C-alpha atoms as a PDB file:
ATOM      1  CA  UNK A   1      99.333  74.669  73.873  1.00  0.00           C
ATOM      2  CA  UNK A   2     101.246  77.249  75.905  1.00  0.00           C
ATOM      3  CA  UNK A   3     100.722  77.294  79.632  1.00  0.00           C
ATOM      4  CA  UNK A   4      99.733  80.477  81.433  1.00  0.00           C
ATOM      5  CA  UNK A   5      99.715  80.742  85.192  1.00  0.00           C
ATOM      6  CA  UNK A   6      98.201  83.838  86.704  1.00  0.00           C
ATOM      7  CA  UNK A   7      98.929  85.670  89.889  1.00  0.00           C
ATOM      8  CA  UNK A   8      96.654  88.685  89.744  1.00  0.00           C
ATOM      9  CA  UNK A   9      95.964  91.000  92.675  1.00  0.00           C
ATOM     10  CA  UNK A  10      93.287  93.665  92.332  1.00  0.00           C
ATOM     11  CA  UNK A  11      93.546  97.236  93.583  1.00  0.00           C
ATOM     12  CA  UNK A  12      90.367  96.903  95.618  1.00  0.00           C
ATOM     13  CA  UNK A  13      89.264  95.255  98.826  1.00  0.00           C
ATOM     14  CA  UNK A  14      87.811  91.750  98.928  1.00  0.00           C
ATOM     15  CA  UNK A  15      84.435  93.218  99.914  1.00  0.00           C
ATOM     16  CA  UNK A  16      84.432  95.492  96.867  1.00  0.00           C
ATOM     17  CA  UNK A  17      85.409  92.568  94.663  1.00  0.00           C
ATOM     18  CA  UNK A  18      82.509  90.439  95.851  1.00  0.00           C
ATOM     19  CA  UNK A  19      79.783  93.081  96.135  1.00  0.00           C
ATOM     20  CA  UNK A  20      80.302  95.356  93.126  1.00  0.00           C
ATOM     21  CA  UNK A  21      77.548  95.176  90.540  1.00  0.00           C
ATOM     22  CA  UNK A  22      77.401  96.337  86.970  1.00  0.00           C
ATOM     23  CA  UNK A  23      75.980  99.760  86.138  1.00  0.00           C
ATOM     24  CA  UNK A  24      75.095 101.630  82.997  1.00  0.00           C
ATOM     25  CA  UNK A  25      78.148 103.297  81.470  1.00  0.00           C
ATOM     26  CA  UNK A  26      75.957 105.412  79.192  1.00  0.00           C
ATOM     27  CA  UNK A  27      77.270 103.952  75.948  1.00  0.00           C
ATOM     28  CA  UNK A  28      75.331 104.396  72.757  1.00  0.00           C
ATOM     29  CA  UNK A  29      75.279 100.840  71.383  1.00  0.00           C
ATOM     30  CA  UNK A  30      72.979  98.115  72.671  1.00  0.00           C
ATOM     31  CA  UNK A  31      73.406  94.399  73.303  1.00  0.00           C
ATOM     32  CA  UNK A  32      71.320  93.704  70.180  1.00  0.00           C
ATOM     33  CA  UNK A  33      73.974  95.476  68.139  1.00  0.00           C
ATOM     34  CA  UNK A  34      76.713  93.546  69.920  1.00  0.00           C
ATOM     35  CA  UNK A  35      74.971  90.282  69.142  1.00  0.00           C
ATOM     36  CA  UNK A  36      74.906  91.215  65.481  1.00  0.00           C
ATOM     37  CA  UNK A  37      78.714  91.226  65.473  1.00  0.00           C
ATOM     38  CA  UNK A  38      78.837  87.811  63.825  1.00  0.00           C
ATOM     39  CA  UNK A  39      81.591  86.819  61.448  1.00  0.00           C
ATOM     40  CA  UNK A  40      80.694  85.162  58.166  1.00  0.00           C
ATOM     41  CA  UNK A  41      83.612  82.745  58.551  1.00  0.00           C
ATOM     42  CA  UNK A  42      84.263  81.440  62.061  1.00  0.00           C
ATOM     43  CA  UNK A  43      87.634  80.038  63.042  1.00  0.00           C
ATOM     44  CA  UNK A  44      87.902  76.273  62.978  1.00  0.00           C
ATOM     45  CA  UNK A  45      89.231  74.391  65.996  1.00  0.00           C
ATOM     46  CA  UNK A  46      92.522  73.839  64.183  1.00  0.00           C
ATOM     47  CA  UNK A  47      92.798  77.564  63.420  1.00  0.00           C
ATOM     48  CA  UNK A  48      92.330  78.358  67.110  1.00  0.00           C
ATOM     49  CA  UNK A  49      95.175  75.956  67.873  1.00  0.00           C
ATOM     50  CA  UNK A  50      97.436  77.300  65.120  1.00  0.00           C
ATOM     51  CA  UNK A  51      96.883  80.882  66.281  1.00  0.00           C
ATOM     52  CA  UNK A  52      97.427  79.863  69.915  1.00  0.00           C
ATOM     53  CA  UNK A  53      94.006  81.078  71.027  1.00  0.00           C
ATOM     54  CA  UNK A  54      91.892  79.358  73.649  1.00  0.00           C
ATOM     55  CA  UNK A  55      88.426  78.144  72.621  1.00  0.00           C
ATOM     56  CA  UNK A  56      85.398  76.838  74.453  1.00  0.00           C
ATOM     57  CA  UNK A  57      85.712  73.106  74.875  1.00  0.00           C
ATOM     58  CA  UNK A  58      89.511  73.233  74.751  1.00  0.00           C
ATOM     59  CA  UNK A  59      91.372  70.451  76.520  1.00  0.00           C
ATOM     60  CA  UNK A  60      93.297  73.184  78.367  1.00  0.00           C
ATOM     61  CA  UNK A  61      90.491  73.617  80.899  1.00  0.00           C
ATOM     62  CA  UNK A  62      92.686  74.958  83.714  1.00  0.00           C
ATOM     63  CA  UNK A  63      94.120  77.695  81.506  1.00  0.00           C
ATOM     64  CA  UNK A  64      90.682  78.616  80.202  1.00  0.00           C
ATOM     65  CA  UNK A  65      89.333  78.925  83.736  1.00  0.00           C
ATOM     66  CA  UNK A  66      92.258  81.130  84.780  1.00  0.00           C
ATOM     67  CA  UNK A  67      91.526  83.461  81.883  1.00  0.00           C
ATOM     68  CA  UNK A  68      87.859  83.528  82.878  1.00  0.00           C
ATOM     69  CA  UNK A  69      88.861  84.459  86.425  1.00  0.00           C
ATOM     70  CA  UNK A  70      90.909  87.369  85.096  1.00  0.00           C
ATOM     71  CA  UNK A  71      88.031  88.444  82.846  1.00  0.00           C
ATOM     72  CA  UNK A  72      85.691  88.497  85.847  1.00  0.00           C
ATOM     73  CA  UNK A  73      88.170  90.417  87.979  1.00  0.00           C
ATOM     74  CA  UNK A  74      88.697  93.088  85.325  1.00  0.00           C
ATOM     75  CA  UNK A  75      84.982  93.738  85.022  1.00  0.00           C
ATOM     76  CA  UNK A  76      84.229  93.912  88.758  1.00  0.00           C
ATOM     77  CA  UNK A  77      85.215  97.497  89.400  1.00  0.00           C
ATOM     78  CA  UNK A  78      83.252 100.404  90.836  1.00  0.00           C
ATOM     79  CA  UNK A  79      83.397 102.290  87.553  1.00  0.00           C
ATOM     80  CA  UNK A  80      81.982 100.013  84.877  1.00  0.00           C
ATOM     81  CA  UNK A  81      83.374 102.305  82.187  1.00  0.00           C
ATOM     82  CA  UNK A  82      86.937 101.316  83.137  1.00  0.00           C
ATOM     83  CA  UNK A  83      87.032  99.283  79.956  1.00  0.00           C
ATOM     84  CA  UNK A  84      90.273 100.455  78.335  1.00  0.00           C
ATOM     85  CA  UNK A  85      92.808  97.868  79.473  1.00  0.00           C
ATOM     86  CA  UNK A  86      96.514  98.062  78.720  1.00  0.00           C
ATOM     87  CA  UNK A  87      98.507  94.829  78.586  1.00  0.00           C
ATOM     88  CA  UNK A  88     102.197  95.571  79.055  1.00  0.00           C
ATOM     89  CA  UNK A  89     105.292  93.776  80.289  1.00  0.00           C
ATOM     90  CA  UNK A  90     108.441  94.193  82.313  1.00  0.00           C
ATOM     91  CA  UNK A  91     110.656  93.439  79.319  1.00  0.00           C
ATOM     92  CA  UNK A  92     110.414  92.406  75.673  1.00  0.00           C
ATOM     93  CA  UNK A  93     109.340  88.906  74.619  1.00  0.00           C
ATOM     94  CA  UNK A  94     107.244  88.306  77.728  1.00  0.00           C
ATOM     95  CA  UNK A  95     104.168  86.927  75.975  1.00  0.00           C
ATOM     96  CA  UNK A  96     101.975  90.038  76.135  1.00  0.00           C
ATOM     97  CA  UNK A  97     100.549  89.427  72.647  1.00  0.00           C
ATOM     98  CA  UNK A  98      99.687  85.831  73.539  1.00  0.00           C
ATOM     99  CA  UNK A  99      97.943  86.970  76.697  1.00  0.00           C
ATOM    100  CA  UNK A 100      96.228  89.934  74.987  1.00  0.00           C
ATOM    101  CA  UNK A 101      94.571  87.903  72.245  1.00  0.00           C
ATOM    102  CA  UNK A 102      93.529  85.203  74.699  1.00  0.00           C
ATOM    103  CA  UNK A 103      91.977  87.495  77.298  1.00  0.00           C
ATOM    104  CA  UNK A 104      90.186  89.280  74.432  1.00  0.00           C
ATOM    105  CA  UNK A 105      88.915  85.965  73.082  1.00  0.00           C
ATOM    106  CA  UNK A 106      87.729  84.705  76.463  1.00  0.00           C
ATOM    107  CA  UNK A 107      85.996  88.030  77.132  1.00  0.00           C
ATOM    108  CA  UNK A 108      84.039  87.618  73.899  1.00  0.00           C
ATOM    109  CA  UNK A 109      82.875  84.146  74.981  1.00  0.00           C
ATOM    110  CA  UNK A 110      80.636  85.955  77.480  1.00  0.00           C
ATOM    111  CA  UNK A 111      77.500  86.777  75.483  1.00  0.00           C
ATOM    112  CA  UNK A 112      76.987  89.954  77.548  1.00  0.00           C
ATOM    113  CA  UNK A 113      80.315  91.457  76.465  1.00  0.00           C
ATOM    114  CA  UNK A 114      82.373  92.197  73.377  1.00  0.00           C
ATOM    115  CA  UNK A 115      86.090  92.759  72.970  1.00  0.00           C
ATOM    116  CA  UNK A 116      88.357  94.847  70.790  1.00  0.00           C
ATOM    117  CA  UNK A 117      92.097  94.199  70.556  1.00  0.00           C
ATOM    118  CA  UNK A 118      94.285  97.120  69.426  1.00  0.00           C
ATOM    119  CA  UNK A 119      97.887  96.455  68.437  1.00  0.00           C
ATOM    120  CA  UNK A 120      99.928  99.334  69.872  1.00  0.00           C
ATOM    121  CA  UNK A 121     103.192  97.417  69.971  1.00  0.00           C
ATOM    122  CA  UNK A 122     104.430  99.288  66.914  1.00  0.00           C
ATOM    123  CA  UNK A 123     107.993  97.957  66.924  1.00  0.00           C
ATOM    124  CA  UNK A 124     106.905  94.337  67.322  1.00  0.00           C
ATOM    125  CA  UNK A 125     103.315  93.998  66.041  1.00  0.00           C
ATOM    126  CA  UNK A 126     101.501  90.646  66.028  1.00  0.00           C
ATOM    127  CA  UNK A 127      97.798  91.160  65.289  1.00  0.00           C
ATOM    128  CA  UNK A 128      98.141  91.398  61.500  1.00  0.00           C
ATOM    129  CA  UNK A 129     100.147  88.171  61.306  1.00  0.00           C
ATOM    130  CA  UNK A 130      97.979  86.264  63.775  1.00  0.00           C
ATOM    131  CA  UNK A 131      94.679  87.099  62.085  1.00  0.00           C
ATOM    132  CA  UNK A 132      95.896  87.179  58.450  1.00  0.00           C
ATOM    133  CA  UNK A 133      95.370  90.928  58.101  1.00  0.00           C
ATOM    134  CA  UNK A 134      98.639  91.975  56.450  1.00  0.00           C
ATOM    135  CA  UNK A 135      98.169  95.115  54.383  1.00  0.00           C
ATOM    136  CA  UNK A 136      95.052  96.225  56.259  1.00  0.00           C
ATOM    137  CA  UNK A 137      94.952  99.786  57.537  1.00  0.00           C
ATOM    138  CA  UNK A 138      95.560 100.100  61.257  1.00  0.00           C
ATOM    139  CA  UNK A 139      96.497 102.458  64.067  1.00  0.00           C
ATOM    140  CA  UNK A 140      99.285 104.385  62.340  1.00  0.00           C
ATOM    141  CA  UNK A 141      97.370 104.682  59.056  1.00  0.00           C
ATOM    142  CA  UNK A 142      94.428 106.160  60.947  1.00  0.00           C
ATOM    143  CA  UNK A 143      96.602 108.602  62.897  1.00  0.00           C
ATOM    144  CA  UNK A 144      98.408 110.049  59.894  1.00  0.00           C
ATOM    145  CA  UNK A 145      95.751 109.825  57.178  1.00  0.00           C
ATOM    146  CA  UNK A 146      92.681 111.902  58.024  1.00  0.00           C
ATOM    147  CA  UNK A 147      90.698 110.308  55.199  1.00  0.00           C
ATOM    148  CA  UNK A 148      90.736 106.888  56.868  1.00  0.00           C
ATOM    149  CA  UNK A 149      87.698 106.264  59.059  1.00  0.00           C
ATOM    150  CA  UNK A 150      87.347 104.160  62.206  1.00  0.00           C
ATOM    151  CA  UNK A 151      85.264 101.546  60.423  1.00  0.00           C
ATOM    152  CA  UNK A 152      88.104 100.972  57.952  1.00  0.00           C
ATOM    153  CA  UNK A 153      90.549  99.842  60.632  1.00  0.00           C
ATOM    154  CA  UNK A 154      88.276  97.568  62.689  1.00  0.00           C
ATOM    155  CA  UNK A 155      88.431  93.967  61.482  1.00  0.00           C
ATOM    156  CA  UNK A 156      86.599  90.728  62.321  1.00  0.00           C
ATOM    157  CA  UNK A 157      88.811  87.866  63.474  1.00  0.00           C
ATOM    158  CA  UNK A 158      86.504  84.866  63.085  1.00  0.00           C
ATOM    159  CA  UNK A 159      85.310  84.933  66.713  1.00  0.00           C
ATOM    160  CA  UNK A 160      81.875  86.255  67.622  1.00  0.00           C
ATOM    161  CA  UNK A 161      81.899  89.656  69.398  1.00  0.00           C
ATOM    162  CA  UNK A 162      85.679  89.984  68.921  1.00  0.00           C
ATOM    163  CA  UNK A 163      87.229  92.651  66.668  1.00  0.00           C
ATOM    164  CA  UNK A 164      90.792  93.882  66.223  1.00  0.00           C
ATOM    165  CA  UNK A 165      92.844  96.805  64.945  1.00  0.00           C
ATOM    166  CA  UNK A 166      96.301  96.176  63.484  1.00  0.00           C
ATOM    167  CA  UNK A 167      99.342  98.374  64.096  1.00  0.00           C
ATOM    168  CA  UNK A 168      99.141  99.568  60.486  1.00  0.00           C
ATOM    169  CA  UNK A 169     101.355  99.858  57.445  1.00  0.00           C
ATOM    170  CA  UNK A 170     103.011 103.257  57.830  1.00  0.00           C
ATOM    171  CA  UNK A 171     106.629 103.125  58.944  1.00  0.00           C
ATOM    172  CA  UNK A 172     107.500 105.989  61.274  1.00  0.00           C
ATOM    173  CA  UNK A 173     110.643 106.808  63.233  1.00  0.00           C
ATOM    174  CA  UNK A 174     108.814 109.173  65.587  1.00  0.00           C
ATOM    175  CA  UNK A 175     107.980 108.200  69.156  1.00  0.00           C
ATOM    176  CA  UNK A 176     105.004 110.565  69.180  1.00  0.00           C
ATOM    177  CA  UNK A 177     102.309 108.263  67.748  1.00  0.00           C
ATOM    178  CA  UNK A 178     100.116 108.156  70.823  1.00  0.00           C
ATOM    179  CA  UNK A 179     100.207 111.853  71.657  1.00  0.00           C
ATOM    180  CA  UNK A 180      98.494 112.618  68.352  1.00  0.00           C
ATOM    181  CA  UNK A 181      94.970 114.096  68.742  1.00  0.00           C
ATOM    182  CA  UNK A 182      93.496 111.570  66.275  1.00  0.00           C
ATOM    183  CA  UNK A 183      94.704 108.661  68.389  1.00  0.00           C
ATOM    184  CA  UNK A 184      93.283 110.103  71.580  1.00  0.00           C
ATOM    185  CA  UNK A 185      89.992 110.831  69.838  1.00  0.00           C
ATOM    186  CA  UNK A 186      89.933 107.284  68.451  1.00  0.00           C
ATOM    187  CA  UNK A 187      90.341 105.715  71.885  1.00  0.00           C
ATOM    188  CA  UNK A 188      87.677 107.932  73.403  1.00  0.00           C
ATOM    189  CA  UNK A 189      85.175 107.100  70.676  1.00  0.00           C
ATOM    190  CA  UNK A 190      85.849 103.346  70.775  1.00  0.00           C
ATOM    191  CA  UNK A 191      85.674 103.341  74.562  1.00  0.00           C
ATOM    192  CA  UNK A 192      82.173 104.818  74.572  1.00  0.00           C
ATOM    193  CA  UNK A 193      80.684 103.216  71.476  1.00  0.00           C
ATOM    194  CA  UNK A 194      79.489  99.918  72.938  1.00  0.00           C
ATOM    195  CA  UNK A 195      78.064  99.108  76.312  1.00  0.00           C
ATOM    196  CA  UNK A 196      79.978  96.286  78.028  1.00  0.00           C
ATOM    197  CA  UNK A 197      82.866  96.266  75.571  1.00  0.00           C
ATOM    198  CA  UNK A 198      86.411  95.684  76.801  1.00  0.00           C
ATOM    199  CA  UNK A 199      89.204  97.260  74.766  1.00  0.00           C
ATOM    200  CA  UNK A 200      92.575  95.553  75.167  1.00  0.00           C
ATOM    201  CA  UNK A 201      95.726  97.415  74.152  1.00  0.00           C
ATOM    202  CA  UNK A 202      98.654  95.166  73.291  1.00  0.00           C
ATOM    203  CA  UNK A 203     101.414  97.539  74.405  1.00  0.00           C
ATOM    204  CA  UNK A 204     105.223  97.551  74.324  1.00  0.00           C
ATOM    205  CA  UNK A 205     107.256  96.756  77.418  1.00  0.00           C
ATOM    206  CA  UNK A 206     107.073  99.354  80.149  1.00  0.00           C
ATOM    207  CA  UNK A 207     110.775  99.681  80.952  1.00  0.00           C
ATOM    208  CA  UNK A 208     111.907  99.912  77.320  1.00  0.00           C
ATOM    209  CA  UNK A 209     109.396 102.175  75.591  1.00  0.00           C
ATOM    210  CA  UNK A 210     108.370 105.810  75.788  1.00  0.00           C
ATOM    211  CA  UNK A 211     105.171 104.837  73.970  1.00  0.00           C
ATOM    212  CA  UNK A 212     104.210 102.552  76.844  1.00  0.00           C
ATOM    213  CA  UNK A 213     104.493 105.478  79.278  1.00  0.00           C
ATOM    214  CA  UNK A 214     102.187 107.573  77.066  1.00  0.00           C
ATOM    215  CA  UNK A 215      99.633 104.764  76.872  1.00  0.00           C
ATOM    216  CA  UNK A 216      99.617 104.571  80.680  1.00  0.00           C
ATOM    217  CA  UNK A 217      98.036 108.019  80.770  1.00  0.00           C
ATOM    218  CA  UNK A 218      95.242 107.015  78.386  1.00  0.00           C
ATOM    219  CA  UNK A 219      94.144 103.653  79.769  1.00  0.00           C
ATOM    220  CA  UNK A 220      91.813 102.802  82.666  1.00  0.00           C
ATOM    221  CA  UNK A 221      93.441  99.579  83.864  1.00  0.00           C
ATOM    222  CA  UNK A 222      96.868  97.996  83.466  1.00  0.00           C
ATOM    223  CA  UNK A 223      97.923  94.354  83.562  1.00  0.00           C
ATOM    224  CA  UNK A 224     101.635  93.682  83.842  1.00  0.00           C
ATOM    225  CA  UNK A 225     102.901  90.456  82.244  1.00  0.00           C
ATOM    226  CA  UNK A 226     106.090  88.880  83.591  1.00  0.00           C
ATOM    227  CA  UNK A 227     107.687  85.737  82.118  1.00  0.00           C
ATOM    228  CA  UNK A 228     108.081  83.085  84.775  1.00  0.00           C
ATOM    229  CA  UNK A 229     111.622  82.694  86.080  1.00  0.00           C
ATOM    230  CA  UNK A 230     113.067  85.414  83.848  1.00  0.00           C
ATOM    231  CA  UNK A 231     112.391  88.649  85.731  1.00  0.00           C
ATOM    232  CA  UNK A 232     113.923  89.570  89.060  1.00  0.00           C
ATOM    233  CA  UNK A 233     112.009  91.169  91.907  1.00  0.00           C
ATOM    234  CA  UNK A 234     113.804  94.509  91.455  1.00  0.00           C
ATOM    235  CA  UNK A 235     112.708  94.795  87.820  1.00  0.00           C
ATOM    236  CA  UNK A 236     109.163  93.804  88.689  1.00  0.00           C
ATOM    237  CA  UNK A 237     109.013  96.384  91.469  1.00  0.00           C
ATOM    238  CA  UNK A 238     110.488  99.075  89.207  1.00  0.00           C
ATOM    239  CA  UNK A 239     107.830  98.436  86.567  1.00  0.00           C
ATOM    240  CA  UNK A 240     105.038  98.299  89.141  1.00  0.00           C
ATOM    241  CA  UNK A 241     106.016 101.689  90.568  1.00  0.00           C
ATOM    242  CA  UNK A 242     105.614 103.324  87.155  1.00  0.00           C
ATOM    243  CA  UNK A 243     101.955 102.272  86.954  1.00  0.00           C
ATOM    244  CA  UNK A 244      99.505 104.545  88.813  1.00  0.00           C
ATOM    245  CA  UNK A 245      98.137 102.642  91.802  1.00  0.00           C
ATOM    246  CA  UNK A 246      94.518 103.318  90.876  1.00  0.00           C
ATOM    247  CA  UNK A 247      95.041 101.751  87.433  1.00  0.00           C
ATOM    248  CA  UNK A 248      97.122  98.721  88.411  1.00  0.00           C
ATOM    249  CA  UNK A 249      94.903  95.635  88.165  1.00  0.00           C
ATOM    250  CA  UNK A 250      97.613  93.060  88.764  1.00  0.00           C
ATOM    251  CA  UNK A 251     100.450  90.900  87.494  1.00  0.00           C
ATOM    252  CA  UNK A 252     100.163  87.867  85.255  1.00  0.00           C
ATOM    253  CA  UNK A 253     102.999  85.371  85.536  1.00  0.00           C
ATOM    254  CA  UNK A 254     103.363  83.914  82.061  1.00  0.00           C
ATOM    255  CA  UNK A 255     105.058  80.635  81.215  1.00  0.00           C
ATOM    256  CA  UNK A 256     104.991  81.457  77.524  1.00  0.00           C
ATOM    257  CA  UNK A 257     107.445  80.079  75.009  1.00  0.00           C
END
């Protein structure tokens, strides 16, 4: 299994980190409804391994605990509705999709939370392949076809309290996907639908994509993924400066291959 080492620094003081407590974000869906998010067919242990997703009881205990630490850190903020989390990178092929699906999975292991993974890496999507959802409607289909509803693009993945949205089937040359009113409305609705849900956006690399810059404006928190030993300090600093300070939750150093 791939190794992930994290070096995450939060944009809050140690006192805030320790003392913050959860509040009511005013969402409309209850924990009972979250608990009903069961999948008829759960992933087998071998399927977790094949898809490179951590599971409870995995022999990779250190990695699992690191992901749990990140999950805890992301949810200990003053504003408990800061649940729209963008996962981006310094450059392409940094392992953002690997990290995104794993932090989403580990978040769903907590029975008090649910997770939704949205594939916004349009040029290099992974969710459809990983979860055997090829041909399913996704983000782009929803944006450009007003007859497609939200429920039609949200898919179970075989993990309790974990859902995903694929990038979609429509092929577009435009770089304006995420400025579309239907996309912004979609994010707002998903963000406020469930109490204690984390929404993870698997985004393109920050230094290479105009879409990543647009997504920065829409998210609440940002995690920057950097492949270990492959990114220089100057590049890392350049990417970090693009992210608004109040949204920057930290850097994950990823030894992903």
